[in-house]
Amino acid sequence: MNTKVLSVFAGSLMLAGVANAAYLGVVSEVYTNAAYDAPPGTITYRLYATFDNELDQLTGMGGSDVEPWWLHTNTAYYNDDTAGGHWAHNAFFDDFVEFLHYDSYWTIGTDDSEAGAPLGIAFPGVQPTWDETDWFANDGGVFRTPDDPLSFAGPELRVLMGQFTINASTDEDGYMEGAVKMNMTSDGEQLSLYQELLIPIPAPGALALLGLAGLIGRRRR
C-alpha cells in the first residue's frame, strides 16, 4: 500500500523559452508492502517525478562536478547486504530475502529490475559512493532510452525515481536532503533541471500526526 504524506519539492525548468512546462515537481510517499514486514525501526519513502501528461518522460538522472548528485540523511539508510548492498535494485532475490523489498535504491520507472529493459548506467570515470548516510555521484548518471515505456508518466502521471528506507527508531526528527540533475521530455521538447531535495522524517511519535501536511522545496535556477 502506498500512502501519500507530503509533496516536498517544486521544480524549476532550465530551458530557454520553457516556463514550468509539464513537470510538476517531485512527490514523496511513505511506502509499505502488505506481503512483507519492514525492517524494525524503519520508515520507507518513495520519490516520484510528477507530470500533467501521460506521454511526458523522465529519461535520465545524474550529476557533475558543478551539479553533483547527492542525498544525505542525518539518520541511516537501510540496504540489505544479501544482494551486495547495491544502490540499483536487483529484484532477483526479492522472493528469498525477507527485507529486500525495503532496500534503498535509485531507479527510473520501476521497482522490479526484471520488468522491462535494464536501467542504463553510465559513470565513465569516478564511480558513485553509497554508504550508511550518503549517496554521491559527480561523473555520470542513469538513463532510459526515449522509447522505453518505463520512462513515461503513464496514467498515474508520475515516474518512480527511488526508494529509501531510513532508520526511524530514534526520538529525534530526521531528514534527507540533496539534489539531482534530471533530464525529461515533454511535448517533444528536451528539458533539464537541477532539482534540490528536502524530505523531513518525523520522529516515530509524530508520524501519526503528519497527515497530509505539505512542504515546498527550494528552487535552483
N, C-alpha and C. Protein backbone atom coordinates (compact mmCIF):
# COMPACT_ATOMS: atom_id res chain seq x y z
N MET A 1 0.85 -1.20 0.00
CA MET A 1 0.00 0.00 0.00
C MET A 1 0.88 1.24 0.00
N ASN A 2 0.50 2.20 -0.79
CA ASN A 2 1.21 3.48 -0.81
C ASN A 2 0.34 4.54 -0.13
N THR A 3 0.89 5.28 0.78
CA THR A 3 0.16 6.35 1.45
C THR A 3 0.87 7.66 1.20
N LYS A 4 0.22 8.56 0.48
CA LYS A 4 0.85 9.85 0.19
C LYS A 4 0.80 10.71 1.44
N VAL A 5 1.97 11.21 1.84
CA VAL A 5 2.01 12.01 3.05
C VAL A 5 2.42 13.45 2.82
N LEU A 6 3.23 13.72 1.81
CA LEU A 6 3.61 15.11 1.60
C LEU A 6 4.19 15.31 0.21
N SER A 7 3.92 16.48 -0.31
CA SER A 7 4.52 16.90 -1.57
C SER A 7 5.66 17.83 -1.22
N VAL A 8 6.89 17.41 -1.52
CA VAL A 8 8.02 18.09 -0.89
C VAL A 8 8.89 18.93 -1.80
N PHE A 9 8.77 18.80 -3.12
CA PHE A 9 9.69 19.50 -3.98
C PHE A 9 8.95 20.25 -5.09
N ALA A 10 9.42 21.45 -5.40
CA ALA A 10 8.91 22.17 -6.57
C ALA A 10 10.04 22.28 -7.57
N GLY A 11 9.73 22.08 -8.84
CA GLY A 11 10.78 22.07 -9.84
C GLY A 11 10.85 23.38 -10.61
N SER A 12 12.04 23.68 -11.12
CA SER A 12 12.22 24.85 -11.97
C SER A 12 12.98 24.45 -13.21
N LEU A 13 12.33 24.52 -14.36
CA LEU A 13 12.95 24.06 -15.60
C LEU A 13 14.03 25.03 -16.05
N MET A 14 15.11 24.45 -16.58
CA MET A 14 16.25 25.25 -17.01
C MET A 14 16.42 25.14 -18.52
N LEU A 15 15.39 25.54 -19.25
CA LEU A 15 15.43 25.51 -20.70
C LEU A 15 14.88 26.82 -21.21
N ALA A 16 15.63 27.51 -22.03
CA ALA A 16 15.21 28.82 -22.54
C ALA A 16 13.87 28.70 -23.25
N GLY A 17 12.95 29.59 -22.91
CA GLY A 17 11.67 29.64 -23.58
C GLY A 17 10.62 28.71 -23.03
N VAL A 18 10.98 27.89 -22.02
CA VAL A 18 10.01 26.96 -21.44
C VAL A 18 9.84 27.31 -19.97
N ALA A 19 8.62 27.62 -19.57
CA ALA A 19 8.36 28.01 -18.18
C ALA A 19 7.46 26.97 -17.53
N ASN A 20 8.06 26.14 -16.65
CA ASN A 20 7.35 25.11 -15.89
C ASN A 20 6.76 23.99 -16.73
N ALA A 21 6.55 24.21 -18.00
CA ALA A 21 6.13 23.16 -18.94
C ALA A 21 5.16 22.19 -18.27
N ALA A 22 5.44 20.87 -18.36
CA ALA A 22 4.52 19.89 -17.82
C ALA A 22 5.09 19.15 -16.62
N TYR A 23 6.24 19.58 -16.13
CA TYR A 23 6.83 18.96 -14.96
C TYR A 23 6.29 19.65 -13.72
N LEU A 24 5.77 18.88 -12.76
CA LEU A 24 5.08 19.44 -11.61
C LEU A 24 5.87 19.32 -10.31
N GLY A 25 7.03 18.69 -10.34
CA GLY A 25 7.83 18.55 -9.14
C GLY A 25 7.96 17.11 -8.71
N VAL A 26 8.62 16.90 -7.56
CA VAL A 26 8.84 15.57 -7.01
C VAL A 26 7.98 15.38 -5.78
N VAL A 27 7.32 14.23 -5.70
CA VAL A 27 6.45 13.90 -4.58
C VAL A 27 7.06 12.76 -3.79
N SER A 28 6.98 12.84 -2.48
CA SER A 28 7.44 11.77 -1.59
C SER A 28 6.23 11.06 -0.98
N GLU A 29 6.28 9.72 -0.96
CA GLU A 29 5.24 8.93 -0.33
C GLU A 29 5.84 7.91 0.62
N VAL A 30 5.17 7.70 1.74
CA VAL A 30 5.52 6.58 2.61
C VAL A 30 5.05 5.29 1.94
N TYR A 31 5.93 4.28 1.91
CA TYR A 31 5.64 3.02 1.22
C TYR A 31 5.66 1.86 2.18
N THR A 32 4.67 0.96 2.05
CA THR A 32 4.68 -0.32 2.76
C THR A 32 4.24 -1.41 1.80
N ASN A 33 4.70 -2.63 2.03
CA ASN A 33 4.34 -3.78 1.21
C ASN A 33 3.61 -4.76 2.12
N ALA A 34 2.31 -4.96 1.86
CA ALA A 34 1.49 -5.76 2.76
C ALA A 34 1.98 -7.21 2.85
N ALA A 35 2.69 -7.69 1.85
CA ALA A 35 3.13 -9.08 1.84
C ALA A 35 4.42 -9.30 2.62
N TYR A 36 5.12 -8.21 2.97
CA TYR A 36 6.42 -8.35 3.62
C TYR A 36 6.54 -7.36 4.78
N ASP A 37 7.08 -7.83 5.89
CA ASP A 37 7.34 -6.94 7.02
C ASP A 37 8.54 -6.05 6.71
N ALA A 38 8.50 -4.83 7.20
CA ALA A 38 9.63 -3.90 7.04
C ALA A 38 10.68 -4.19 8.11
N PRO A 39 11.93 -3.82 7.86
CA PRO A 39 12.94 -3.94 8.90
C PRO A 39 12.52 -3.15 10.14
N PRO A 40 12.70 -3.69 11.32
CA PRO A 40 12.25 -2.99 12.55
C PRO A 40 12.86 -1.60 12.67
N GLY A 41 12.04 -0.65 13.12
CA GLY A 41 12.52 0.69 13.39
C GLY A 41 12.82 1.53 12.17
N THR A 42 12.19 1.20 11.02
CA THR A 42 12.46 1.95 9.79
C THR A 42 11.18 2.55 9.21
N ILE A 43 11.37 3.51 8.31
CA ILE A 43 10.28 4.06 7.50
C ILE A 43 10.81 4.17 6.07
N THR A 44 9.96 3.85 5.09
CA THR A 44 10.38 3.82 3.70
C THR A 44 9.68 4.90 2.90
N TYR A 45 10.45 5.68 2.14
CA TYR A 45 9.91 6.71 1.26
C TYR A 45 10.19 6.35 -0.18
N ARG A 46 9.22 6.63 -1.05
CA ARG A 46 9.43 6.56 -2.49
C ARG A 46 9.30 7.96 -3.07
N LEU A 47 10.18 8.29 -4.01
CA LEU A 47 10.19 9.59 -4.67
C LEU A 47 9.71 9.42 -6.10
N TYR A 48 8.83 10.34 -6.53
CA TYR A 48 8.26 10.31 -7.88
C TYR A 48 8.40 11.67 -8.54
N ALA A 49 8.84 11.69 -9.79
CA ALA A 49 8.72 12.88 -10.63
C ALA A 49 7.31 12.92 -11.17
N THR A 50 6.62 14.05 -11.04
CA THR A 50 5.22 14.14 -11.43
C THR A 50 5.04 15.08 -12.62
N PHE A 51 4.06 14.74 -13.46
CA PHE A 51 3.81 15.46 -14.70
C PHE A 51 2.31 15.65 -14.90
N ASP A 52 1.91 16.38 -15.96
CA ASP A 52 0.49 16.55 -16.23
C ASP A 52 0.06 15.90 -17.54
N ASN A 53 0.92 15.03 -18.11
CA ASN A 53 0.60 14.36 -19.36
C ASN A 53 1.17 12.94 -19.34
N GLU A 54 0.39 11.96 -19.77
CA GLU A 54 0.83 10.58 -19.73
C GLU A 54 2.06 10.33 -20.59
N LEU A 55 2.27 11.14 -21.62
CA LEU A 55 3.38 10.93 -22.54
C LEU A 55 4.65 11.68 -22.13
N ASP A 56 4.60 12.44 -21.04
CA ASP A 56 5.82 13.07 -20.53
C ASP A 56 6.75 11.99 -19.99
N GLN A 57 8.06 12.28 -20.02
CA GLN A 57 9.03 11.26 -19.65
C GLN A 57 10.13 11.79 -18.74
N LEU A 58 10.58 10.94 -17.84
CA LEU A 58 11.85 11.14 -17.14
C LEU A 58 12.84 10.20 -17.80
N THR A 59 13.86 10.76 -18.47
CA THR A 59 14.79 9.93 -19.24
C THR A 59 16.16 9.78 -18.58
N GLY A 60 16.50 10.64 -17.63
CA GLY A 60 17.81 10.50 -17.01
C GLY A 60 17.95 11.24 -15.70
N MET A 61 18.87 10.76 -14.86
CA MET A 61 19.25 11.44 -13.62
C MET A 61 20.76 11.30 -13.47
N GLY A 62 21.41 12.35 -12.97
CA GLY A 62 22.85 12.26 -12.83
C GLY A 62 23.44 13.45 -12.12
N GLY A 63 24.78 13.57 -12.24
CA GLY A 63 25.48 14.65 -11.58
C GLY A 63 26.81 14.93 -12.24
N SER A 64 27.33 16.12 -11.98
CA SER A 64 28.63 16.55 -12.50
C SER A 64 29.38 17.27 -11.38
N ASP A 65 30.61 17.70 -11.67
CA ASP A 65 31.36 18.46 -10.66
C ASP A 65 30.63 19.73 -10.27
N VAL A 66 30.00 20.38 -11.25
CA VAL A 66 29.30 21.63 -11.00
C VAL A 66 27.96 21.38 -10.31
N GLU A 67 27.26 20.33 -10.71
CA GLU A 67 25.95 19.98 -10.16
C GLU A 67 25.96 18.51 -9.73
N PRO A 68 26.53 18.21 -8.57
CA PRO A 68 26.62 16.81 -8.13
C PRO A 68 25.27 16.22 -7.76
N TRP A 69 25.18 14.92 -7.87
CA TRP A 69 24.00 14.14 -7.49
C TRP A 69 24.29 13.59 -6.09
N TRP A 70 23.53 14.08 -5.10
CA TRP A 70 23.82 13.66 -3.73
C TRP A 70 22.55 13.55 -2.91
N LEU A 71 22.60 12.71 -1.89
CA LEU A 71 21.49 12.57 -0.96
C LEU A 71 22.06 12.17 0.39
N HIS A 72 21.85 13.02 1.37
CA HIS A 72 22.38 12.81 2.72
C HIS A 72 21.23 12.64 3.71
N THR A 73 21.41 11.79 4.69
CA THR A 73 20.46 11.68 5.80
C THR A 73 21.21 11.82 7.12
N ASN A 74 20.53 12.40 8.11
CA ASN A 74 21.13 12.51 9.43
C ASN A 74 20.83 11.28 10.29
N THR A 75 20.15 10.28 9.70
CA THR A 75 19.91 9.02 10.39
C THR A 75 20.72 7.94 9.68
N ALA A 76 20.14 6.94 9.04
CA ALA A 76 20.90 5.91 8.34
C ALA A 76 20.02 5.22 7.31
N TYR A 77 20.57 4.97 6.12
CA TYR A 77 19.86 4.21 5.09
C TYR A 77 19.92 2.72 5.40
N TYR A 78 18.85 2.01 5.03
CA TYR A 78 18.86 0.56 5.11
C TYR A 78 19.18 -0.01 3.73
N ASN A 79 20.19 -0.88 3.67
CA ASN A 79 20.50 -1.66 2.47
C ASN A 79 20.78 -3.09 2.89
N ASP A 80 20.01 -4.03 2.34
CA ASP A 80 20.22 -5.43 2.69
C ASP A 80 21.49 -5.94 2.01
N ASP A 81 22.39 -6.53 2.79
CA ASP A 81 23.68 -6.97 2.25
C ASP A 81 23.60 -8.27 1.47
N THR A 82 22.45 -8.95 1.49
CA THR A 82 22.35 -10.24 0.80
C THR A 82 22.64 -10.10 -0.68
N ALA A 83 22.14 -9.03 -1.29
CA ALA A 83 22.35 -8.81 -2.72
C ALA A 83 23.50 -7.83 -2.97
N GLY A 84 24.32 -7.62 -1.98
CA GLY A 84 25.50 -6.79 -2.17
C GLY A 84 25.37 -5.35 -1.75
N GLY A 85 24.21 -4.95 -1.23
CA GLY A 85 24.03 -3.57 -0.80
C GLY A 85 24.15 -2.57 -1.93
N HIS A 86 23.71 -2.95 -3.13
CA HIS A 86 23.86 -2.08 -4.29
C HIS A 86 22.84 -0.94 -4.27
N TRP A 87 23.19 0.15 -4.95
CA TRP A 87 22.29 1.30 -4.99
C TRP A 87 21.24 1.17 -6.09
N ALA A 88 21.41 0.24 -7.02
CA ALA A 88 20.38 -0.05 -8.03
C ALA A 88 19.78 -1.40 -7.69
N HIS A 89 18.47 -1.46 -7.55
CA HIS A 89 17.80 -2.65 -7.02
C HIS A 89 17.85 -3.82 -7.99
N ASN A 90 18.12 -5.02 -7.48
CA ASN A 90 18.04 -6.25 -8.25
C ASN A 90 16.95 -7.11 -7.64
N ALA A 91 15.85 -7.28 -8.37
CA ALA A 91 14.67 -7.95 -7.81
C ALA A 91 14.80 -9.47 -7.82
N PHE A 92 15.89 -10.01 -8.35
CA PHE A 92 16.04 -11.47 -8.44
C PHE A 92 15.90 -12.13 -7.08
N PHE A 93 16.40 -11.45 -6.03
CA PHE A 93 16.41 -12.06 -4.69
C PHE A 93 15.17 -11.71 -3.87
N ASP A 94 14.25 -10.94 -4.42
CA ASP A 94 13.14 -10.42 -3.63
C ASP A 94 12.33 -11.49 -2.91
N ASP A 95 12.09 -12.61 -3.60
CA ASP A 95 11.24 -13.65 -3.02
C ASP A 95 11.97 -14.52 -2.00
N PHE A 96 13.27 -14.31 -1.85
CA PHE A 96 14.05 -15.16 -0.96
C PHE A 96 14.61 -14.43 0.26
N VAL A 97 14.61 -13.11 0.22
CA VAL A 97 15.21 -12.31 1.29
C VAL A 97 14.12 -11.46 1.94
N GLU A 98 13.95 -11.60 3.24
CA GLU A 98 12.79 -11.03 3.94
C GLU A 98 12.64 -9.53 3.74
N PHE A 99 13.72 -8.77 3.88
CA PHE A 99 13.62 -7.32 3.91
C PHE A 99 14.02 -6.65 2.58
N LEU A 100 14.34 -7.42 1.55
CA LEU A 100 14.88 -6.81 0.34
C LEU A 100 13.88 -5.89 -0.37
N HIS A 101 12.58 -6.14 -0.15
CA HIS A 101 11.58 -5.24 -0.74
C HIS A 101 11.68 -3.82 -0.19
N TYR A 102 12.38 -3.65 0.90
CA TYR A 102 12.54 -2.34 1.52
C TYR A 102 13.95 -1.78 1.34
N ASP A 103 14.69 -2.32 0.38
CA ASP A 103 16.03 -1.82 0.10
C ASP A 103 15.98 -0.35 -0.32
N SER A 104 17.12 0.33 -0.21
CA SER A 104 17.24 1.72 -0.68
C SER A 104 17.92 1.70 -2.04
N TYR A 105 17.35 2.43 -3.01
CA TYR A 105 17.91 2.41 -4.36
C TYR A 105 17.38 3.56 -5.20
N TRP A 106 18.13 3.90 -6.26
CA TRP A 106 17.68 4.82 -7.30
C TRP A 106 17.20 4.01 -8.49
N THR A 107 16.25 4.55 -9.24
CA THR A 107 15.75 3.86 -10.42
C THR A 107 15.07 4.89 -11.32
N ILE A 108 14.57 4.45 -12.45
CA ILE A 108 13.67 5.26 -13.27
C ILE A 108 12.52 4.38 -13.71
N GLY A 109 11.38 4.51 -13.07
CA GLY A 109 10.15 3.92 -13.57
C GLY A 109 9.79 2.54 -13.12
N THR A 110 10.61 1.84 -12.35
CA THR A 110 10.22 0.51 -11.91
C THR A 110 10.89 0.16 -10.60
N ASP A 111 10.20 -0.66 -9.79
CA ASP A 111 10.81 -1.18 -8.58
C ASP A 111 11.17 -2.65 -8.76
N ASP A 112 11.13 -3.15 -9.98
CA ASP A 112 11.40 -4.55 -10.28
C ASP A 112 12.34 -4.61 -11.47
N SER A 113 13.61 -4.96 -11.23
CA SER A 113 14.59 -4.94 -12.31
C SER A 113 14.35 -6.02 -13.35
N GLU A 114 13.44 -6.96 -13.07
CA GLU A 114 13.11 -7.99 -14.05
C GLU A 114 11.99 -7.54 -14.97
N ALA A 115 11.41 -6.39 -14.72
CA ALA A 115 10.32 -5.87 -15.57
C ALA A 115 10.88 -4.82 -16.52
N GLY A 116 10.65 -5.00 -17.81
CA GLY A 116 11.11 -4.02 -18.79
C GLY A 116 12.61 -4.10 -19.01
N ALA A 117 13.12 -3.08 -19.70
CA ALA A 117 14.54 -3.05 -20.03
C ALA A 117 15.38 -2.71 -18.79
N PRO A 118 16.62 -3.21 -18.72
CA PRO A 118 17.50 -2.83 -17.61
C PRO A 118 17.75 -1.33 -17.60
N LEU A 119 17.93 -0.77 -16.42
CA LEU A 119 18.26 0.63 -16.28
C LEU A 119 19.65 0.89 -16.86
N GLY A 120 19.77 1.90 -17.73
CA GLY A 120 21.07 2.25 -18.26
C GLY A 120 21.90 2.97 -17.21
N ILE A 121 23.16 2.58 -17.07
CA ILE A 121 24.05 3.16 -16.07
C ILE A 121 25.33 3.61 -16.77
N ALA A 122 25.68 4.87 -16.61
CA ALA A 122 26.86 5.42 -17.29
C ALA A 122 27.65 6.31 -16.35
N PHE A 123 28.70 5.76 -15.76
CA PHE A 123 29.65 6.52 -14.94
C PHE A 123 31.03 6.28 -15.53
N PRO A 124 31.44 7.09 -16.51
CA PRO A 124 32.68 6.81 -17.25
C PRO A 124 33.96 6.95 -16.45
N GLY A 125 33.94 7.72 -15.39
CA GLY A 125 35.16 7.94 -14.61
C GLY A 125 34.97 7.58 -13.17
N VAL A 126 34.75 8.57 -12.33
CA VAL A 126 34.59 8.37 -10.89
C VAL A 126 33.24 7.68 -10.62
N GLN A 127 33.28 6.58 -9.92
CA GLN A 127 32.07 5.83 -9.60
C GLN A 127 31.34 6.43 -8.40
N PRO A 128 30.02 6.24 -8.32
CA PRO A 128 29.27 6.77 -7.17
C PRO A 128 29.73 6.15 -5.86
N THR A 129 29.55 6.89 -4.78
CA THR A 129 29.76 6.34 -3.44
C THR A 129 28.42 6.26 -2.72
N TRP A 130 28.25 5.23 -1.92
CA TRP A 130 26.95 4.95 -1.31
C TRP A 130 27.20 4.24 0.00
N ASP A 131 27.02 4.96 1.12
CA ASP A 131 27.27 4.36 2.42
C ASP A 131 26.08 4.56 3.33
N GLU A 132 26.28 4.44 4.63
CA GLU A 132 25.17 4.45 5.58
C GLU A 132 24.39 5.75 5.58
N THR A 133 25.05 6.86 5.29
CA THR A 133 24.38 8.16 5.39
C THR A 133 24.40 8.98 4.10
N ASP A 134 25.20 8.59 3.10
CA ASP A 134 25.38 9.47 1.94
C ASP A 134 25.44 8.72 0.62
N TRP A 135 24.75 9.29 -0.38
CA TRP A 135 24.93 8.93 -1.79
C TRP A 135 25.59 10.13 -2.47
N PHE A 136 26.59 9.87 -3.34
CA PHE A 136 27.25 10.96 -4.04
C PHE A 136 27.75 10.48 -5.40
N ALA A 137 27.45 11.27 -6.45
CA ALA A 137 27.95 10.98 -7.79
C ALA A 137 28.15 12.31 -8.51
N ASN A 138 29.32 12.47 -9.16
CA ASN A 138 29.59 13.72 -9.88
C ASN A 138 30.21 13.47 -11.26
N ASP A 139 29.99 12.25 -11.79
CA ASP A 139 30.57 11.93 -13.09
C ASP A 139 29.72 10.91 -13.83
N GLY A 140 28.49 11.31 -14.17
CA GLY A 140 27.63 10.40 -14.92
C GLY A 140 26.26 10.27 -14.30
N GLY A 141 25.54 9.19 -14.69
CA GLY A 141 24.20 9.02 -14.17
C GLY A 141 23.54 7.77 -14.72
N VAL A 142 22.22 7.74 -14.59
CA VAL A 142 21.41 6.63 -15.08
C VAL A 142 20.43 7.17 -16.11
N PHE A 143 19.94 6.29 -17.00
CA PHE A 143 19.11 6.77 -18.09
C PHE A 143 18.21 5.67 -18.62
N ARG A 144 17.18 6.08 -19.35
CA ARG A 144 16.38 5.19 -20.17
C ARG A 144 16.27 5.79 -21.57
N THR A 145 16.20 4.94 -22.56
CA THR A 145 16.08 5.41 -23.93
C THR A 145 14.70 6.00 -24.15
N PRO A 146 14.55 6.92 -25.11
CA PRO A 146 13.25 7.61 -25.30
C PRO A 146 12.08 6.69 -25.61
N ASP A 147 12.34 5.49 -26.13
CA ASP A 147 11.25 4.57 -26.45
C ASP A 147 10.97 3.56 -25.33
N ASP A 148 11.67 3.68 -24.21
CA ASP A 148 11.48 2.76 -23.10
C ASP A 148 10.19 3.12 -22.36
N PRO A 149 9.21 2.21 -22.31
CA PRO A 149 7.93 2.54 -21.66
C PRO A 149 8.05 2.88 -20.18
N LEU A 150 9.13 2.44 -19.53
CA LEU A 150 9.29 2.72 -18.10
C LEU A 150 9.64 4.18 -17.82
N SER A 151 9.97 4.95 -18.87
CA SER A 151 10.30 6.36 -18.67
C SER A 151 9.08 7.26 -18.74
N PHE A 152 7.93 6.73 -19.18
CA PHE A 152 6.73 7.56 -19.38
C PHE A 152 5.94 7.73 -18.08
N ALA A 153 5.28 8.88 -17.96
CA ALA A 153 4.47 9.17 -16.77
C ALA A 153 3.27 8.23 -16.65
N GLY A 154 2.65 7.88 -17.79
CA GLY A 154 1.54 6.94 -17.78
C GLY A 154 0.31 7.47 -17.08
N PRO A 155 -0.68 6.59 -16.85
CA PRO A 155 -1.95 7.03 -16.26
C PRO A 155 -1.81 7.66 -14.88
N GLU A 156 -0.79 7.28 -14.12
CA GLU A 156 -0.61 7.86 -12.78
C GLU A 156 0.10 9.20 -12.83
N LEU A 157 0.58 9.60 -14.02
CA LEU A 157 1.23 10.91 -14.23
C LEU A 157 2.47 11.09 -13.36
N ARG A 158 3.24 10.00 -13.19
CA ARG A 158 4.44 10.09 -12.39
C ARG A 158 5.39 8.96 -12.76
N VAL A 159 6.68 9.17 -12.45
CA VAL A 159 7.73 8.18 -12.71
C VAL A 159 8.52 7.98 -11.43
N LEU A 160 8.65 6.73 -11.00
CA LEU A 160 9.41 6.42 -9.79
C LEU A 160 10.88 6.76 -9.98
N MET A 161 11.44 7.49 -9.01
CA MET A 161 12.86 7.89 -9.03
C MET A 161 13.71 7.09 -8.05
N GLY A 162 13.12 6.63 -6.97
CA GLY A 162 13.91 5.90 -5.99
C GLY A 162 13.12 5.52 -4.77
N GLN A 163 13.68 4.60 -4.02
CA GLN A 163 13.10 4.18 -2.75
C GLN A 163 14.20 4.23 -1.69
N PHE A 164 13.85 4.77 -0.50
CA PHE A 164 14.85 4.95 0.54
C PHE A 164 14.25 4.58 1.89
N THR A 165 14.82 3.56 2.50
CA THR A 165 14.39 3.12 3.82
C THR A 165 15.36 3.68 4.85
N ILE A 166 14.81 4.34 5.85
CA ILE A 166 15.57 5.15 6.79
C ILE A 166 15.34 4.65 8.21
N ASN A 167 16.36 4.71 9.02
CA ASN A 167 16.22 4.42 10.44
C ASN A 167 15.32 5.49 11.09
N ALA A 168 14.20 5.05 11.64
CA ALA A 168 13.28 5.99 12.28
C ALA A 168 13.03 5.60 13.72
N SER A 169 14.00 4.96 14.33
CA SER A 169 13.80 4.44 15.69
C SER A 169 14.26 5.39 16.78
N THR A 170 14.85 6.53 16.39
CA THR A 170 15.30 7.49 17.40
C THR A 170 14.16 8.41 17.80
N ASP A 171 14.37 9.18 18.86
CA ASP A 171 13.35 10.10 19.33
C ASP A 171 13.43 11.46 18.64
N GLU A 172 14.45 11.66 17.81
CA GLU A 172 14.63 12.95 17.15
C GLU A 172 14.13 12.90 15.71
N ASP A 173 13.72 14.07 15.21
CA ASP A 173 13.32 14.16 13.81
C ASP A 173 14.54 13.95 12.92
N GLY A 174 14.31 13.33 11.78
CA GLY A 174 15.38 13.13 10.82
C GLY A 174 15.06 13.84 9.51
N TYR A 175 15.94 13.66 8.53
CA TYR A 175 15.71 14.26 7.23
C TYR A 175 16.59 13.59 6.19
N MET A 176 16.20 13.76 4.93
CA MET A 176 17.07 13.52 3.78
C MET A 176 17.11 14.82 2.99
N GLU A 177 18.29 15.18 2.49
CA GLU A 177 18.40 16.34 1.64
C GLU A 177 19.46 16.08 0.58
N GLY A 178 19.30 16.72 -0.58
CA GLY A 178 20.26 16.52 -1.65
C GLY A 178 19.84 17.25 -2.90
N ALA A 179 20.31 16.76 -4.06
CA ALA A 179 19.98 17.37 -5.34
C ALA A 179 20.34 16.38 -6.44
N VAL A 180 19.66 16.51 -7.58
CA VAL A 180 19.91 15.63 -8.72
C VAL A 180 19.61 16.39 -10.02
N LYS A 181 20.45 16.18 -11.03
CA LYS A 181 20.17 16.71 -12.36
C LYS A 181 19.19 15.76 -13.04
N MET A 182 18.09 16.29 -13.56
CA MET A 182 17.04 15.48 -14.18
C MET A 182 16.86 15.89 -15.64
N ASN A 183 16.79 14.88 -16.52
CA ASN A 183 16.50 15.10 -17.94
C ASN A 183 15.13 14.54 -18.26
N MET A 184 14.34 15.30 -19.02
CA MET A 184 12.95 14.93 -19.30
C MET A 184 12.60 15.26 -20.75
N THR A 185 11.48 14.70 -21.18
CA THR A 185 10.91 15.04 -22.48
C THR A 185 9.44 15.39 -22.28
N SER A 186 9.03 16.53 -22.81
CA SER A 186 7.63 16.95 -22.71
C SER A 186 7.23 17.63 -24.00
N ASP A 187 6.18 17.10 -24.65
CA ASP A 187 5.69 17.67 -25.90
C ASP A 187 6.81 17.80 -26.93
N GLY A 188 7.70 16.82 -26.96
CA GLY A 188 8.78 16.82 -27.92
C GLY A 188 9.97 17.67 -27.54
N GLU A 189 9.88 18.41 -26.45
CA GLU A 189 10.97 19.27 -26.01
C GLU A 189 11.84 18.53 -24.99
N GLN A 190 13.17 18.71 -25.10
CA GLN A 190 14.10 18.15 -24.12
C GLN A 190 14.26 19.16 -22.99
N LEU A 191 13.98 18.74 -21.78
CA LEU A 191 14.03 19.61 -20.61
C LEU A 191 15.10 19.14 -19.64
N SER A 192 15.71 20.08 -18.93
CA SER A 192 16.75 19.74 -17.96
C SER A 192 16.64 20.66 -16.75
N LEU A 193 16.82 20.10 -15.55
CA LEU A 193 16.81 20.92 -14.34
C LEU A 193 17.69 20.28 -13.29
N TYR A 194 18.14 21.10 -12.36
CA TYR A 194 18.88 20.62 -11.20
C TYR A 194 17.95 20.77 -10.01
N GLN A 195 17.40 19.64 -9.56
CA GLN A 195 16.34 19.63 -8.56
C GLN A 195 16.90 19.43 -7.16
N GLU A 196 16.67 20.39 -6.27
CA GLU A 196 17.04 20.22 -4.87
C GLU A 196 15.97 19.42 -4.14
N LEU A 197 16.38 18.59 -3.19
CA LEU A 197 15.50 17.67 -2.48
C LEU A 197 15.56 17.93 -0.98
N LEU A 198 14.41 17.88 -0.35
CA LEU A 198 14.34 18.00 1.10
C LEU A 198 13.18 17.17 1.60
N ILE A 199 13.48 16.17 2.43
CA ILE A 199 12.48 15.22 2.90
C ILE A 199 12.55 15.14 4.42
N PRO A 200 11.63 15.77 5.14
CA PRO A 200 11.63 15.64 6.60
C PRO A 200 11.18 14.25 7.02
N ILE A 201 11.78 13.71 8.07
CA ILE A 201 11.44 12.39 8.59
C ILE A 201 11.07 12.56 10.05
N PRO A 202 9.78 12.62 10.36
CA PRO A 202 9.37 12.86 11.75
C PRO A 202 9.79 11.73 12.67
N ALA A 203 10.02 12.07 13.92
CA ALA A 203 10.25 11.05 14.93
C ALA A 203 9.01 10.17 15.04
N PRO A 204 9.16 8.92 15.49
CA PRO A 204 8.02 7.99 15.50
C PRO A 204 6.77 8.53 16.15
N GLY A 205 6.89 9.29 17.23
CA GLY A 205 5.70 9.81 17.90
C GLY A 205 4.96 10.84 17.09
N ALA A 206 5.61 11.43 16.09
CA ALA A 206 4.95 12.46 15.28
C ALA A 206 4.34 11.91 14.01
N LEU A 207 4.66 10.66 13.65
CA LEU A 207 4.19 10.12 12.37
C LEU A 207 2.67 10.09 12.29
N ALA A 208 2.03 9.74 13.38
CA ALA A 208 0.57 9.64 13.38
C ALA A 208 -0.09 11.00 13.19
N LEU A 209 0.65 12.08 13.48
CA LEU A 209 0.09 13.42 13.38
C LEU A 209 0.43 14.10 12.05
N LEU A 210 1.21 13.39 11.20
CA LEU A 210 1.71 14.02 9.99
C LEU A 210 0.60 14.36 9.02
N GLY A 211 -0.33 13.44 8.81
CA GLY A 211 -1.46 13.68 7.92
C GLY A 211 -1.00 14.00 6.52
N LEU A 212 -1.60 15.04 5.92
CA LEU A 212 -1.31 15.42 4.55
C LEU A 212 -0.60 16.75 4.48
N ALA A 213 0.17 17.10 5.49
CA ALA A 213 0.86 18.38 5.51
C ALA A 213 1.78 18.50 4.31
N GLY A 214 1.89 19.70 3.74
CA GLY A 214 2.71 19.92 2.56
C GLY A 214 3.88 20.83 2.85
N LEU A 215 4.94 20.62 2.10
CA LEU A 215 6.12 21.46 2.21
C LEU A 215 6.71 21.65 0.84
N ILE A 216 6.95 22.88 0.45
CA ILE A 216 7.51 23.18 -0.86
C ILE A 216 9.02 23.22 -0.77
N GLY A 217 9.67 22.55 -1.69
CA GLY A 217 11.14 22.51 -1.70
C GLY A 217 11.72 23.77 -2.29
N ARG A 218 13.03 23.89 -2.12
CA ARG A 218 13.75 25.04 -2.65
C ARG A 218 13.93 24.91 -4.15
N ARG A 219 13.95 26.02 -4.85
CA ARG A 219 14.16 26.01 -6.29
C ARG A 219 15.57 26.45 -6.63
N ARG A 220 16.18 25.76 -7.58
CA ARG A 220 17.51 26.12 -8.04
C ARG A 220 17.40 26.55 -9.50
N ARG A 221 17.68 27.80 -9.77
CA ARG A 221 17.55 28.31 -11.13
C ARG A 221 18.94 28.48 -11.75
